[in-house]
């Protein structure tokens, strides 16, 4: 139930409810070949993420553990090692620190955790960083509850470009940022929107979020403050022209509705946005990003064009 692409090595990794992962490699003839990766789990794999150096990947699962997988040249196969404690429920989301060592995971036990994913077989001994100094595989460096009373499942996590901040969104419609340079203090902002399903940094201070409200939103983190900046979708409502056969089938496909009344939203996406990905640039200076959702649409957004079209918008 997860897929990720490694842009530098042009490899794809997938994982699914069959409890396995596959690494897809494109040959010179353009055809893709697969390599099976045994995750050694007894529940479905839920999410997967390549590391920044693309020499390993992490897989979250319903088995209450994370598999860190790397290629062993001597035996010509992929090996998986487990991070287990203290995860108490399904791992729902993952993201890597820029140093290729640390990993942040969100789960259905309402917690966000930062682990060391250091693999001594393929990496040099890492030095200390703002999150911690002892970094054996599986070392818990930080743990944050989504809220004091629980706060629901954690849907998405994201390390900032400098690796000092972790952002996450949960099912309580809140946005959270933990800053390791400020004693791992957490800033939490409750919003008026429906729950968010994705978040991603586009600069060291600017954070994109999106979810069931069908619109990407921009927030800014500055010190101990997290504030709303702008809605990035300023689409105007279209005039209703009746319900043609084509519109009826589109409505059935995108929204599972066939009513004759106008259900068009004031946004490009007509159903929940489930994924935010950088399309051009980096987390330090993103130029374009993409969103995909339950309406079957993939939308590419140009941040420079948005700054020009939305009055007062300035991405810091």
Protein backbone atom coordinates (compact mmCIF):
# COMPACT_ATOMS: atom_id res chain seq x y z
CA UNK A 1 0.00 0.00 0.00
CA UNK A 2 2.97 2.28 -0.58
CA UNK A 3 5.19 3.40 -3.45
CA UNK A 4 8.27 5.62 -3.71
CA UNK A 5 10.67 6.59 -6.48
CA UNK A 6 14.42 7.18 -6.14
CA UNK A 7 15.17 9.93 -8.71
CA UNK A 8 18.97 9.56 -8.77
CA UNK A 9 19.13 5.78 -9.24
CA UNK A 10 15.76 5.61 -11.04
CA UNK A 11 14.47 2.79 -8.87
CA UNK A 12 10.95 2.29 -7.56
CA UNK A 13 10.03 0.50 -4.36
CA UNK A 14 6.53 -0.78 -3.65
CA UNK A 15 4.96 -2.54 -0.68
CA UNK A 16 1.53 -4.01 -0.15
CA UNK A 17 -0.82 -6.16 1.92
CA UNK A 18 1.08 -9.27 0.77
CA UNK A 19 3.67 -8.32 3.44
CA UNK A 20 6.47 -7.98 0.90
CA UNK A 21 8.29 -5.19 -0.92
CA UNK A 22 9.58 -5.08 -4.48
CA UNK A 23 12.41 -2.99 -5.91
CA UNK A 24 11.82 -2.11 -9.57
CA UNK A 25 14.84 -1.44 -11.81
CA UNK A 26 14.70 -0.28 -15.43
CA UNK A 27 17.02 -2.05 -17.88
CA UNK A 28 18.68 -0.66 -20.99
CA UNK A 29 15.79 -2.00 -23.07
CA UNK A 30 13.34 0.11 -21.07
CA UNK A 31 11.71 -2.86 -19.36
CA UNK A 32 11.30 -2.99 -15.60
CA UNK A 33 12.48 -5.96 -13.54
CA UNK A 34 11.53 -6.64 -9.94
CA UNK A 35 13.47 -7.92 -6.96
CA UNK A 36 11.58 -9.37 -4.01
CA UNK A 37 12.43 -7.99 -0.56
CA UNK A 38 11.36 -10.17 2.37
CA UNK A 39 10.26 -7.78 5.10
CA UNK A 40 9.76 -10.53 7.73
CA UNK A 41 6.46 -9.10 8.94
CA UNK A 42 3.13 -10.78 9.68
CA UNK A 43 0.84 -7.86 8.85
CA UNK A 44 0.32 -5.63 5.82
CA UNK A 45 2.98 -3.14 4.77
CA UNK A 46 1.46 0.35 4.87
CA UNK A 47 4.08 2.89 3.70
CA UNK A 48 7.57 3.01 2.20
CA UNK A 49 10.25 5.69 1.74
CA UNK A 50 13.68 5.76 0.10
CA UNK A 51 16.50 7.35 2.11
CA UNK A 52 18.09 10.55 0.69
CA UNK A 53 21.19 8.65 -0.50
CA UNK A 54 18.92 5.94 -1.95
CA UNK A 55 21.04 3.13 -0.47
CA UNK A 56 18.25 1.91 1.83
CA UNK A 57 14.53 2.30 2.40
CA UNK A 58 12.11 2.09 5.30
CA UNK A 59 8.80 0.22 5.33
CA UNK A 60 6.06 0.78 7.91
CA UNK A 61 3.56 -1.95 8.67
CA UNK A 62 0.62 -3.14 10.70
CA UNK A 63 3.00 -5.43 12.59
CA UNK A 64 3.95 -2.51 14.87
CA UNK A 65 7.45 -2.27 13.46
CA UNK A 66 9.56 -0.59 10.77
CA UNK A 67 11.73 -2.58 8.37
CA UNK A 68 14.98 -0.90 7.32
CA UNK A 69 16.08 -2.55 4.06
CA UNK A 70 19.47 -2.35 2.35
CA UNK A 71 21.26 -4.25 -0.41
CA UNK A 72 23.89 -6.80 0.59
CA UNK A 73 26.32 -7.13 -2.30
CA UNK A 74 28.01 -10.29 -1.01
CA UNK A 75 24.80 -12.30 -1.18
CA UNK A 76 23.11 -10.24 -3.93
CA UNK A 77 19.89 -9.68 -2.02
CA UNK A 78 18.02 -7.13 0.04
CA UNK A 79 18.24 -7.51 3.82
CA UNK A 80 15.72 -6.10 6.30
CA UNK A 81 16.34 -5.15 9.93
CA UNK A 82 13.59 -4.21 12.36
CA UNK A 83 12.82 -1.25 14.59
CA UNK A 84 10.19 -2.45 17.07
CA UNK A 85 10.04 -0.73 20.45
CA UNK A 86 8.15 1.29 21.57
CA UNK A 87 5.72 1.29 18.60
CA UNK A 88 2.30 0.09 19.77
CA UNK A 89 0.17 0.25 16.62
CA UNK A 90 0.24 0.45 12.81
CA UNK A 91 2.90 2.71 11.31
CA UNK A 92 1.07 5.07 8.96
CA UNK A 93 3.74 7.46 7.65
CA UNK A 94 7.53 7.87 7.36
CA UNK A 95 10.13 10.48 6.41
CA UNK A 96 13.94 10.57 6.39
CA UNK A 97 16.28 13.13 7.91
CA UNK A 98 18.64 14.77 5.35
CA UNK A 99 21.62 13.04 7.02
CA UNK A 100 20.36 9.63 5.79
CA UNK A 101 20.52 8.27 9.37
CA UNK A 102 17.45 9.48 11.27
CA UNK A 103 13.88 8.46 10.51
CA UNK A 104 10.61 9.93 11.75
CA UNK A 105 7.51 7.74 11.96
CA UNK A 106 3.87 8.48 12.71
CA UNK A 107 1.50 5.76 13.80
CA UNK A 108 -2.03 4.87 14.82
CA UNK A 109 -1.11 4.96 18.52
CA UNK A 110 -1.27 8.78 18.23
CA UNK A 111 2.53 9.17 18.50
CA UNK A 112 5.34 10.62 16.38
CA UNK A 113 8.77 9.12 16.99
CA UNK A 114 12.29 9.89 15.76
CA UNK A 115 14.55 6.83 15.45
CA UNK A 116 18.08 6.10 14.36
CA UNK A 117 18.12 3.96 11.21
CA UNK A 118 21.91 3.60 11.09
CA UNK A 119 23.12 0.47 9.24
CA UNK A 120 26.76 -0.19 10.12
CA UNK A 121 27.21 -2.59 7.18
CA UNK A 122 26.86 0.17 4.57
CA UNK A 123 27.47 3.47 6.43
CA UNK A 124 30.20 5.22 8.36
CA UNK A 125 29.71 5.89 12.04
CA UNK A 126 27.50 9.02 12.30
CA UNK A 127 28.43 11.94 14.50
CA UNK A 128 26.14 13.59 17.07
CA UNK A 129 23.36 15.92 15.91
CA UNK A 130 20.66 18.08 17.48
CA UNK A 131 18.40 15.06 17.95
CA UNK A 132 20.92 12.94 19.85
CA UNK A 133 24.41 11.49 20.05
CA UNK A 134 23.87 7.75 20.55
CA UNK A 135 22.69 6.38 17.21
CA UNK A 136 22.58 2.56 17.09
CA UNK A 137 19.82 1.09 14.91
CA UNK A 138 16.44 1.51 16.59
CA UNK A 139 17.55 4.11 19.14
CA UNK A 140 14.55 6.27 20.11
CA UNK A 141 15.63 9.92 20.00
CA UNK A 142 12.29 11.67 20.50
CA UNK A 143 8.63 10.83 21.05
CA UNK A 144 5.75 13.26 20.69
CA UNK A 145 2.04 12.60 21.39
CA UNK A 146 -0.30 14.09 18.81
CA UNK A 147 -2.05 15.83 21.71
CA UNK A 148 -2.39 15.46 25.47
CA UNK A 149 -5.69 13.63 25.02
CA UNK A 150 -4.62 11.48 22.08
CA UNK A 151 -5.41 13.49 18.98
CA UNK A 152 -6.14 10.66 16.57
CA UNK A 153 -4.02 8.86 14.01
CA UNK A 154 -0.95 10.60 12.63
CA UNK A 155 -1.44 10.89 8.86
CA UNK A 156 1.78 12.51 7.63
CA UNK A 157 5.23 13.53 8.91
CA UNK A 158 7.99 15.63 7.35
CA UNK A 159 11.55 16.63 8.29
CA UNK A 160 12.58 20.17 7.34
CA UNK A 161 15.45 20.73 4.89
CA UNK A 162 17.96 21.42 7.69
CA UNK A 163 16.70 18.44 9.67
CA UNK A 164 16.07 20.48 12.81
CA UNK A 165 12.27 20.45 12.62
CA UNK A 166 9.65 17.74 12.34
CA UNK A 167 6.12 18.57 11.22
CA UNK A 168 3.11 16.29 11.40
CA UNK A 169 -0.64 16.34 10.87
CA UNK A 170 -3.20 14.11 12.54
CA UNK A 171 -6.89 13.34 12.48
CA UNK A 172 -7.71 16.15 14.93
CA UNK A 173 -7.31 18.82 12.19
CA UNK A 174 -4.17 20.16 13.86
CA UNK A 175 -0.71 21.06 12.57
CA UNK A 176 2.31 20.36 14.77
CA UNK A 177 5.99 21.32 14.58
CA UNK A 178 8.74 20.09 16.92
CA UNK A 179 12.05 21.99 16.87
CA UNK A 180 15.14 20.14 18.13
CA UNK A 181 17.09 23.40 18.48
CA UNK A 182 14.47 24.66 20.96
CA UNK A 183 14.66 21.71 23.33
CA UNK A 184 12.32 19.67 21.10
CA UNK A 185 9.50 22.05 21.97
CA UNK A 186 6.24 21.44 20.10
CA UNK A 187 4.06 24.15 18.58
CA UNK A 188 0.49 22.99 17.92
CA UNK A 189 -2.14 24.83 15.90
CA UNK A 190 -5.77 23.71 15.89
CA UNK A 191 -7.47 24.64 12.63
CA UNK A 192 -11.02 25.09 11.39
CA UNK A 193 -10.50 22.71 8.48
CA UNK A 194 -11.29 19.04 8.00
CA UNK A 195 -8.46 16.62 8.92
CA UNK A 196 -5.23 16.87 6.93
CA UNK A 197 -3.74 13.84 5.18
CA UNK A 198 -0.42 15.24 3.96
CA UNK A 199 2.26 17.77 4.88
CA UNK A 200 5.56 18.83 3.32
CA UNK A 201 8.11 21.59 3.89
CA UNK A 202 8.82 23.91 0.94
CA UNK A 203 11.36 26.06 2.83
CA UNK A 204 12.86 25.96 6.32
CA UNK A 205 9.89 27.94 7.65
CA UNK A 206 7.04 27.29 5.17
CA UNK A 207 4.86 24.20 5.44
CA UNK A 208 2.24 22.87 3.02
CA UNK A 209 -0.72 20.86 4.29
CA UNK A 210 -3.76 19.37 2.55
CA UNK A 211 -6.47 16.81 3.18
CA UNK A 212 -10.23 16.44 3.36
CA UNK A 213 -10.82 20.16 2.69
CA UNK A 214 -9.54 19.56 -0.89
CA UNK A 215 -7.32 22.67 -0.89
CA UNK A 216 -3.54 22.99 -0.27
CA UNK A 217 -2.86 25.43 2.56
CA UNK A 218 0.35 27.28 3.43
CA UNK A 219 1.52 27.82 7.01
CA UNK A 220 4.62 29.50 8.42
CA UNK A 221 6.59 28.38 11.48
CA UNK A 222 8.59 31.12 13.18
CA UNK A 223 10.00 30.53 16.66
CA UNK A 224 7.13 29.53 18.91
CA UNK A 225 4.43 30.60 16.44
CA UNK A 226 2.65 28.66 13.70
CA UNK A 227 0.41 30.86 11.58
CA UNK A 228 -1.80 30.55 8.53
CA UNK A 229 -0.48 32.26 5.38
CA UNK A 230 -2.81 31.49 2.47
CA UNK A 231 -5.04 29.10 0.58
CA UNK A 232 -3.13 28.18 -2.56
CA UNK A 233 -6.22 27.37 -4.61
CA UNK A 234 -8.22 30.46 -5.59
CA UNK A 235 -10.43 28.69 -8.12
CA UNK A 236 -13.80 30.35 -8.65
CA UNK A 237 -17.04 28.42 -8.72
CA UNK A 238 -18.19 27.46 -12.21
CA UNK A 239 -21.71 28.10 -13.43
CA UNK A 240 -23.90 25.04 -13.33
CA UNK A 241 -25.05 23.87 -16.73
CA UNK A 242 -27.22 20.92 -15.78
CA UNK A 243 -26.12 17.34 -15.40
CA UNK A 244 -25.05 15.73 -18.65
CA UNK A 245 -24.36 12.03 -18.98
CA UNK A 246 -20.61 12.75 -18.89
CA UNK A 247 -20.92 14.83 -15.71
CA UNK A 248 -23.06 12.14 -14.13
CA UNK A 249 -20.39 9.49 -14.67
CA UNK A 250 -17.62 11.86 -13.54
CA UNK A 251 -19.55 12.60 -10.36
CA UNK A 252 -20.06 8.89 -9.76
CA UNK A 253 -16.36 8.19 -10.30
CA UNK A 254 -14.91 11.07 -8.28
CA UNK A 255 -17.45 11.51 -5.51
CA UNK A 256 -19.61 8.36 -5.59
CA UNK A 257 -22.67 10.59 -6.12
CA UNK A 258 -25.25 10.70 -8.88
CA UNK A 259 -27.59 13.42 -7.56
CA UNK A 260 -28.76 16.00 -10.05
CA UNK A 261 -27.92 18.96 -7.79
CA UNK A 262 -24.67 20.86 -8.30
CA UNK A 263 -21.96 19.49 -6.02
CA UNK A 264 -19.00 21.28 -7.60
CA UNK A 265 -16.52 22.60 -5.03
CA UNK A 266 -14.71 25.94 -5.17
CA UNK A 267 -11.43 24.16 -5.79
CA UNK A 268 -9.54 22.20 -8.43
CA UNK A 269 -9.63 18.99 -6.42
CA UNK A 270 -13.16 17.67 -5.94
CA UNK A 271 -12.30 15.17 -3.21
CA UNK A 272 -9.74 14.72 -0.45
CA UNK A 273 -6.07 15.37 -1.25
CA UNK A 274 -4.14 12.31 -0.11
CA UNK A 275 -0.58 13.11 -1.20
CA UNK A 276 1.72 16.14 -1.49
CA UNK A 277 5.05 15.71 -3.31
CA UNK A 278 7.80 18.08 -4.40
CA UNK A 279 7.94 18.29 -8.20
CA UNK A 280 10.77 20.78 -8.69
CA UNK A 281 13.28 22.11 -6.18
CA UNK A 282 14.04 20.93 -2.65
CA UNK A 283 12.54 21.27 0.80
CA UNK A 284 14.83 24.27 1.29
CA UNK A 285 13.60 26.05 -1.84
CA UNK A 286 10.72 24.36 -3.63
CA UNK A 287 9.64 25.67 -7.04
CA UNK A 288 6.75 23.34 -7.87
CA UNK A 289 4.77 20.70 -6.01
CA UNK A 290 2.12 18.17 -6.93
CA UNK A 291 -1.04 16.98 -5.23
CA UNK A 292 -3.12 13.89 -5.91
CA UNK A 293 -6.45 12.95 -4.44
CA UNK A 294 -9.45 10.68 -4.26
CA UNK A 295 -10.98 12.51 -7.24
CA UNK A 296 -8.39 10.85 -9.49
CA UNK A 297 -6.62 14.11 -10.32
CA UNK A 298 -2.90 14.86 -10.24
CA UNK A 299 -2.28 18.62 -10.08
CA UNK A 300 1.06 20.42 -10.45
CA UNK A 301 1.34 23.80 -8.70
CA UNK A 302 3.90 26.49 -9.59
CA UNK A 303 4.83 28.40 -6.43
CA UNK A 304 6.27 31.39 -8.32
CA UNK A 305 3.03 31.78 -10.29
CA UNK A 306 1.00 31.44 -7.08
CA UNK A 307 3.02 34.22 -5.42
CA UNK A 308 2.17 36.52 -8.32
CA UNK A 309 -1.52 35.61 -8.50
CA UNK A 310 -2.37 35.63 -4.77
CA UNK A 311 -2.23 39.08 -3.24
CA UNK A 312 0.11 39.39 -0.29
CA UNK A 313 1.53 35.87 -0.63
CA UNK A 314 5.22 35.67 0.26
CA UNK A 315 6.91 32.32 0.81
CA UNK A 316 9.64 32.78 3.43
